[in-house]
Amino acid sequence: MDKIAVLIPCYNESKTIEKVVRDFRNALPDAVIYVYDNNSTDHTDEIARKAGAIVRYEYQQGKGNVIRRMFRDIDAECYIMTDGDDTYPAEYAPEMADKVLTKKADMGIGDRLSSTYFTENKRPFHNFGNSLVRKAINVMFKTDIKDIMTGYRAFSYQFVKSFPVLSKGFEIETEMSIHAVDKNMLLENVIIEYRDRPEGSESKLNTYSDGMKVLKTILRLYRNYKPFAFFGILSVILLVVAAAFFVPVFGAYLATGEVLRFPTLIVCGFVVLAAVQAFFSGMILQNIEQKNRQDFEMELHRINERLKEMSS
């Protein structure tokens, strides 16, 4: 088992990967640096290997797929995840590792948004998207994470081995944040200086398509982790819609003593039934979620026992 493992998912980062590997080698001399190449065509793997990294491969395209492979393959007391594009300074890695190793945090978050991100990042829609996602998650999950989508994080062994990776692409960071909040894990914030990609290095993140995937992920996880709130809101919306169509029908009935629009009345009845069904579905799923939480806590105990055995 490694003391500290630096995880670098890469796809066509030949211009920057050598510097990233060397910077993290200098910042964490005792760490083992892993570069997982995700079908690069620019010899990223060869450059990383020459720089001193252990190079492995993931052939399913997508950052989420790479992280799933990393988390399965590597055992370490502390994991540092960063990008291969040289946007995250390595000098903050020791502080982030200390959050996990000394303060027993489950996740250390490299917070870009509290420092230089909005001035360094030249893509205004990325700035807007980060702010929107941060606000949405903090409101929906009643938390106060400063940077939801940062790719610079530290993890404990318990987090890595208990995190079910479902996302295939860049929405993985959002999934990590929500999972940690929902499972009451200890999060520590580390403010970092962010720098934009060097000239000639291109982002693989598509502002619009990947942004939509992130928003869909938030809704999916809100439904899964807070089913009673999700289906309760849906139930209220359906009741409001039913009431809006029922009021004119009922008004006409009071005025004339006749139901003039039977089809509308029938539809209102079905919408009310759907609202009731949504409400009780939320209650049932909330009980299942509570049982899942209990099972998760027991799984953490088993993971912790495995960690003690490997460390001894």
Foldseek 3Di string as FASTA:
>chain_A
DAAEEEEEEDAAQQVFQLVVLVQLCVQCVRYAYEYEYAPHDPCSQVSNVVSPHHYHYDDQDAPLSSLLVVLVPDAYQKYWFAYRQPFFGNNCVVVQRCCCPPVVAFKEDAAAQVDCCVPQDPDVLVVVLQVVLQVVCCVLLVHHDRGQQHRTMMGGNLLSVLQDRDDGHSLRSNSSVNVCSLLVTGYHYDYGHTHDGPPPDDDPDDSPPVSVVNVVVVLVVSCQSQVLVNLLVVLVVLLVVLCVLVVVQVVVCVVPVDRPDVVSNVVSVVSNVVSVVSNVVSVVSVVVSVVVSVVSVVVSVVSVVVVVVVVD
